[in-house]
Amino acid sequence: MKLPYAFYEDPIGTAGGLALWWNEEASVNILKSGKNFIGTRLSIKGETDWFGTFIYGTPYAEEKQQF
């Protein structure tokens, strides 16, 4: 991807991992992250600030109920 800014939540072993990319029109403040989510406060030029949580749900049936 040709976006200048990024945040990564590293995988555990060979599973999982998340990435979030953005350009100079956005300001992204990472509030908290974990193996399944990235919590942010976003500011996009000319727009109202907002909070966004980006989630990666488990692909394993036995873990879906807990997630």
N, C-alpha and C. Protein backbone atom coordinates (compact mmCIF):
# COMPACT_ATOMS: atom_id res chain seq x y z
N MET A 1 0.84 -1.17 0.00
CA MET A 1 0.00 0.00 0.00
C MET A 1 0.89 1.24 0.00
N LYS A 2 0.43 2.26 -0.68
CA LYS A 2 1.22 3.48 -0.76
C LYS A 2 0.60 4.57 0.12
N LEU A 3 0.40 4.25 1.38
CA LEU A 3 -0.09 5.23 2.35
C LEU A 3 1.05 5.51 3.33
N PRO A 4 1.22 6.79 3.69
CA PRO A 4 2.40 7.16 4.48
C PRO A 4 2.37 6.80 5.96
N TYR A 5 1.20 6.51 6.51
CA TYR A 5 1.10 6.24 7.95
C TYR A 5 0.49 4.86 8.18
N ALA A 6 0.97 4.22 9.24
CA ALA A 6 0.48 2.87 9.52
C ALA A 6 0.63 2.55 11.00
N PHE A 7 -0.20 1.63 11.46
CA PHE A 7 -0.08 1.05 12.80
C PHE A 7 -0.28 -0.44 12.66
N TYR A 8 0.53 -1.21 13.35
CA TYR A 8 0.45 -2.66 13.27
C TYR A 8 0.29 -3.27 14.65
N GLU A 9 -0.55 -4.28 14.74
CA GLU A 9 -0.65 -5.13 15.91
C GLU A 9 -0.08 -6.46 15.45
N ASP A 10 1.08 -6.81 15.97
CA ASP A 10 1.80 -7.98 15.50
C ASP A 10 1.03 -9.28 15.72
N PRO A 11 1.23 -10.25 14.85
CA PRO A 11 0.60 -11.56 15.03
C PRO A 11 1.21 -12.30 16.22
N ILE A 12 0.48 -13.26 16.69
CA ILE A 12 0.98 -14.15 17.74
C ILE A 12 1.36 -15.44 17.03
N GLY A 13 2.65 -15.71 16.93
CA GLY A 13 3.12 -16.83 16.13
C GLY A 13 2.81 -16.57 14.67
N THR A 14 2.09 -17.47 14.05
CA THR A 14 1.73 -17.28 12.64
C THR A 14 0.26 -16.89 12.47
N ALA A 15 -0.43 -16.60 13.57
CA ALA A 15 -1.86 -16.29 13.50
C ALA A 15 -2.13 -14.83 13.87
N GLY A 16 -3.19 -14.31 13.26
CA GLY A 16 -3.67 -12.98 13.62
C GLY A 16 -2.82 -11.86 13.07
N GLY A 17 -2.86 -10.76 13.78
CA GLY A 17 -2.19 -9.55 13.35
C GLY A 17 -3.16 -8.63 12.65
N LEU A 18 -3.02 -7.34 12.89
CA LEU A 18 -3.88 -6.33 12.28
C LEU A 18 -3.02 -5.18 11.77
N ALA A 19 -3.51 -4.49 10.78
CA ALA A 19 -2.82 -3.30 10.27
C ALA A 19 -3.86 -2.25 9.91
N LEU A 20 -3.50 -1.01 10.17
CA LEU A 20 -4.35 0.12 9.84
C LEU A 20 -3.47 1.14 9.12
N TRP A 21 -3.88 1.58 7.95
CA TRP A 21 -3.12 2.56 7.16
C TRP A 21 -3.97 3.79 6.92
N TRP A 22 -3.32 4.96 6.82
CA TRP A 22 -4.04 6.19 6.51
C TRP A 22 -3.12 7.19 5.84
N ASN A 23 -3.75 8.23 5.27
CA ASN A 23 -2.96 9.25 4.57
C ASN A 23 -2.92 10.55 5.37
N GLU A 24 -2.33 11.58 4.79
CA GLU A 24 -2.12 12.85 5.49
C GLU A 24 -3.40 13.63 5.74
N GLU A 25 -4.51 13.24 5.15
CA GLU A 25 -5.77 13.92 5.41
C GLU A 25 -6.40 13.50 6.73
N ALA A 26 -5.87 12.47 7.34
CA ALA A 26 -6.41 11.97 8.60
C ALA A 26 -5.34 12.04 9.69
N SER A 27 -5.82 12.28 10.89
CA SER A 27 -4.97 12.19 12.07
C SER A 27 -5.54 11.06 12.91
N VAL A 28 -4.73 10.05 13.21
CA VAL A 28 -5.20 8.87 13.93
C VAL A 28 -4.43 8.76 15.23
N ASN A 29 -5.17 8.73 16.33
CA ASN A 29 -4.59 8.54 17.65
C ASN A 29 -4.97 7.13 18.11
N ILE A 30 -3.99 6.26 18.28
CA ILE A 30 -4.26 4.90 18.75
C ILE A 30 -4.47 4.96 20.25
N LEU A 31 -5.67 4.60 20.70
CA LEU A 31 -5.99 4.65 22.12
C LEU A 31 -5.63 3.36 22.83
N LYS A 32 -5.90 2.25 22.18
CA LYS A 32 -5.63 0.94 22.76
C LYS A 32 -5.69 -0.09 21.65
N SER A 33 -4.91 -1.15 21.78
CA SER A 33 -4.97 -2.21 20.79
C SER A 33 -4.67 -3.55 21.45
N GLY A 34 -5.07 -4.58 20.78
CA GLY A 34 -4.83 -5.94 21.25
C GLY A 34 -4.83 -6.87 20.05
N LYS A 35 -4.80 -8.17 20.31
CA LYS A 35 -4.68 -9.11 19.20
C LYS A 35 -5.88 -9.11 18.27
N ASN A 36 -7.04 -8.60 18.72
CA ASN A 36 -8.24 -8.60 17.89
C ASN A 36 -8.82 -7.22 17.60
N PHE A 37 -8.16 -6.15 18.02
CA PHE A 37 -8.76 -4.83 17.80
C PHE A 37 -7.72 -3.71 17.82
N ILE A 38 -8.11 -2.59 17.20
CA ILE A 38 -7.38 -1.34 17.28
C ILE A 38 -8.41 -0.27 17.59
N GLY A 39 -8.31 0.38 18.74
CA GLY A 39 -9.22 1.45 19.14
C GLY A 39 -8.58 2.79 18.83
N THR A 40 -9.31 3.67 18.16
CA THR A 40 -8.74 4.93 17.69
C THR A 40 -9.64 6.12 17.94
N ARG A 41 -9.02 7.29 17.91
CA ARG A 41 -9.74 8.55 17.77
C ARG A 41 -9.24 9.13 16.47
N LEU A 42 -10.16 9.45 15.57
CA LEU A 42 -9.80 9.91 14.23
C LEU A 42 -10.25 11.34 13.99
N SER A 43 -9.42 12.05 13.29
CA SER A 43 -9.75 13.41 12.87
C SER A 43 -9.42 13.50 11.39
N ILE A 44 -10.44 13.80 10.61
CA ILE A 44 -10.26 13.94 9.17
C ILE A 44 -10.48 15.40 8.83
N LYS A 45 -9.61 15.98 8.04
CA LYS A 45 -9.68 17.40 7.72
C LYS A 45 -11.08 17.82 7.31
N GLY A 46 -11.61 18.84 7.99
CA GLY A 46 -12.92 19.37 7.67
C GLY A 46 -14.09 18.60 8.25
N GLU A 47 -13.83 17.56 9.02
CA GLU A 47 -14.89 16.72 9.58
C GLU A 47 -14.83 16.74 11.11
N THR A 48 -15.89 16.26 11.74
CA THR A 48 -15.93 16.12 13.19
C THR A 48 -15.09 14.92 13.61
N ASP A 49 -14.34 15.07 14.72
CA ASP A 49 -13.58 13.94 15.26
C ASP A 49 -14.54 12.81 15.63
N TRP A 50 -14.05 11.59 15.53
CA TRP A 50 -14.85 10.45 15.91
C TRP A 50 -13.97 9.32 16.42
N PHE A 51 -14.58 8.37 17.09
CA PHE A 51 -13.88 7.20 17.61
C PHE A 51 -14.23 6.01 16.73
N GLY A 52 -13.25 5.18 16.45
CA GLY A 52 -13.47 3.98 15.65
C GLY A 52 -12.71 2.81 16.25
N THR A 53 -13.34 1.67 16.28
CA THR A 53 -12.68 0.44 16.72
C THR A 53 -12.72 -0.52 15.55
N PHE A 54 -11.55 -0.96 15.15
CA PHE A 54 -11.40 -1.89 14.04
C PHE A 54 -11.16 -3.27 14.62
N ILE A 55 -12.00 -4.23 14.25
CA ILE A 55 -12.02 -5.54 14.89
C ILE A 55 -11.73 -6.64 13.88
N TYR A 56 -10.93 -7.60 14.33
CA TYR A 56 -10.70 -8.82 13.56
C TYR A 56 -11.31 -9.96 14.36
N GLY A 57 -12.39 -10.54 13.85
CA GLY A 57 -13.03 -11.66 14.51
C GLY A 57 -12.31 -12.96 14.20
N THR A 58 -12.28 -13.83 15.18
CA THR A 58 -11.60 -15.11 15.01
C THR A 58 -12.26 -15.96 13.91
N PRO A 59 -11.49 -16.68 13.12
CA PRO A 59 -12.05 -17.56 12.11
C PRO A 59 -12.38 -18.95 12.67
N TYR A 60 -12.06 -19.19 13.94
CA TYR A 60 -12.23 -20.52 14.52
C TYR A 60 -13.58 -20.63 15.22
N ALA A 61 -14.38 -21.60 14.79
CA ALA A 61 -15.74 -21.77 15.32
C ALA A 61 -15.75 -21.89 16.83
N GLU A 62 -14.81 -22.61 17.40
CA GLU A 62 -14.80 -22.83 18.86
C GLU A 62 -14.48 -21.56 19.65
N GLU A 63 -13.95 -20.53 18.99
CA GLU A 63 -13.63 -19.27 19.68
C GLU A 63 -14.64 -18.17 19.42
N LYS A 64 -15.56 -18.39 18.49
CA LYS A 64 -16.49 -17.31 18.09
C LYS A 64 -17.45 -16.92 19.21
N GLN A 65 -17.96 -17.84 19.96
CA GLN A 65 -18.90 -17.51 21.03
C GLN A 65 -18.23 -16.62 22.08
N GLN A 66 -17.02 -16.95 22.48
CA GLN A 66 -16.31 -16.15 23.46
C GLN A 66 -15.99 -14.77 22.92
N PHE A 67 -15.63 -14.70 21.65
CA PHE A 67 -15.28 -13.41 21.05
C PHE A 67 -16.48 -12.51 21.01
